[in-house]
Amino acid sequence: MFSMPDQPAPDHREIDKLLAAVDHQVRCLTEQRQAAKRERRRLRRSRLVLRRRAATLITRTVLRVGLMVSGTVSFAIGLIFLVTGKDGEKDLLEAAAAAWGLAAAIPSRK
């Protein structure tokens, strides 16, 4: 008829220990996942800041060079007008001074 099983009944204390170990692993993995998400957000922000800084630096450099060149050209043409006696030399020399002043006012680095 019915026979007794060959294996003894499972020990509930062992099962409880295993469940506690699994719970601990799940908590650890959840904490690691949250830490990884925080790090990912931090890296994204850093990358965005670096991109903006590079774009700003390039823009400032191009603007400063452009102002220096336009000031130099205005100054040269103003001198030519001054030597030849044509009207407009004062305006060109003022434009050169303004361009150089603006170029000097733009900070080169942060």
Protein backbone atom coordinates (compact mmCIF):
# COMPACT_ATOMS: atom_id res chain seq x y z
CA MET A 1 0.00 0.00 0.00
CA PHE A 2 1.48 3.29 1.00
CA SER A 3 5.07 3.31 1.97
CA MET A 4 7.05 5.92 3.81
CA PRO A 5 9.20 8.15 1.64
CA ASP A 6 12.89 7.42 1.67
CA GLN A 7 13.81 11.07 2.18
CA PRO A 8 13.04 12.92 5.38
CA ALA A 9 10.81 15.99 5.34
CA PRO A 10 12.60 19.22 4.35
CA ASP A 11 14.02 21.26 7.19
CA HIS A 12 12.19 24.59 7.26
CA ARG A 13 15.10 26.32 8.94
CA GLU A 14 17.31 25.61 5.90
CA ILE A 15 14.66 26.95 3.56
CA ASP A 16 14.32 30.10 5.68
CA LYS A 17 18.11 30.60 5.53
CA LEU A 18 18.08 30.20 1.75
CA LEU A 19 15.20 32.67 1.39
CA ALA A 20 17.00 35.18 3.60
CA ALA A 21 20.15 34.80 1.49
CA VAL A 22 18.15 35.33 -1.72
CA ASP A 23 16.44 38.40 -0.20
CA HIS A 24 19.84 39.79 0.71
CA GLN A 25 21.14 39.22 -2.82
CA VAL A 26 18.08 40.93 -4.31
CA ARG A 27 18.59 43.96 -2.03
CA CYS A 28 22.27 44.13 -2.94
CA LEU A 29 21.51 43.94 -6.65
CA THR A 30 18.82 46.62 -6.32
CA GLU A 31 21.27 48.93 -4.54
CA GLN A 32 23.91 48.28 -7.20
CA ARG A 33 21.37 49.03 -9.94
CA GLN A 34 20.38 52.31 -8.29
CA ALA A 35 24.05 53.26 -7.85
CA ALA A 36 24.68 52.47 -11.52
CA LYS A 37 21.73 54.69 -12.53
CA ARG A 38 23.07 57.56 -10.42
CA GLU A 39 26.52 57.16 -11.95
CA ARG A 40 25.02 57.08 -15.44
CA ARG A 41 23.14 60.36 -14.77
CA ARG A 42 26.31 61.93 -13.36
CA LEU A 43 28.32 60.91 -16.41
CA ARG A 44 25.66 62.25 -18.78
CA ARG A 45 25.69 65.60 -16.97
CA SER A 46 29.48 65.69 -17.09
CA ARG A 47 29.52 64.93 -20.78
CA LEU A 48 26.95 67.67 -21.44
CA VAL A 49 28.96 70.19 -19.42
CA LEU A 50 32.13 69.29 -21.33
CA ARG A 51 30.36 69.65 -24.68
CA ARG A 52 29.00 73.05 -23.71
CA ARG A 53 32.39 74.17 -22.43
CA ALA A 54 34.08 73.11 -25.67
CA ALA A 55 31.44 74.85 -27.79
CA THR A 56 31.78 78.01 -25.70
CA LEU A 57 35.56 77.96 -25.98
CA ILE A 58 35.43 77.51 -29.76
CA THR A 59 32.83 80.28 -30.12
CA ARG A 60 34.83 82.68 -27.98
CA THR A 61 38.02 81.96 -29.89
CA VAL A 62 36.38 82.45 -33.28
CA LEU A 63 34.68 85.63 -32.13
CA ARG A 64 37.90 87.07 -30.69
CA VAL A 65 39.86 86.27 -33.85
CA GLY A 66 37.12 87.74 -36.03
CA LEU A 67 37.06 90.94 -34.01
CA MET A 68 40.84 91.22 -34.09
CA VAL A 69 40.91 90.73 -37.87
CA SER A 70 38.09 93.20 -38.50
CA GLY A 71 39.79 95.74 -36.20
CA THR A 72 43.06 95.31 -38.04
CA VAL A 73 41.42 95.69 -41.44
CA SER A 74 39.50 98.78 -40.29
CA PHE A 75 42.67 100.27 -38.85
CA ALA A 76 44.65 99.63 -42.04
CA ILE A 77 41.93 101.11 -44.25
CA GLY A 78 41.58 104.04 -41.84
CA LEU A 79 45.30 104.73 -42.09
CA ILE A 80 45.15 104.55 -45.87
CA PHE A 81 42.22 107.01 -45.88
CA LEU A 82 44.15 109.28 -43.49
CA VAL A 83 47.26 109.29 -45.69
CA THR A 84 45.31 109.81 -48.92
CA GLY A 85 43.06 112.50 -47.39
CA LYS A 86 39.73 110.74 -48.00
CA ASP A 87 36.77 111.19 -45.67
CA GLY A 88 35.82 108.44 -43.21
CA GLU A 89 39.18 107.76 -41.60
CA LYS A 90 37.88 108.78 -38.18
CA ASP A 91 34.97 106.34 -38.38
CA LEU A 92 37.23 103.49 -39.46
CA LEU A 93 39.75 104.14 -36.69
CA GLU A 94 36.89 104.27 -34.15
CA ALA A 95 35.54 100.97 -35.52
CA ALA A 96 39.01 99.42 -35.18
CA ALA A 97 39.29 100.60 -31.58
CA ALA A 98 35.80 99.27 -30.80
CA ALA A 99 36.56 95.88 -32.37
CA TRP A 100 39.83 95.55 -30.48
CA GLY A 101 38.15 96.61 -27.25
CA LEU A 102 35.43 94.00 -27.69
CA ALA A 103 38.03 91.34 -28.49
CA ALA A 104 39.91 92.23 -25.32
CA ALA A 105 36.69 92.14 -23.27
CA ILE A 106 35.84 88.55 -24.26
CA PRO A 107 37.40 86.18 -21.73
CA SER A 108 39.69 83.61 -23.30
CA ARG A 109 39.20 80.86 -20.71
CA LYS A 110 36.94 80.12 -17.81
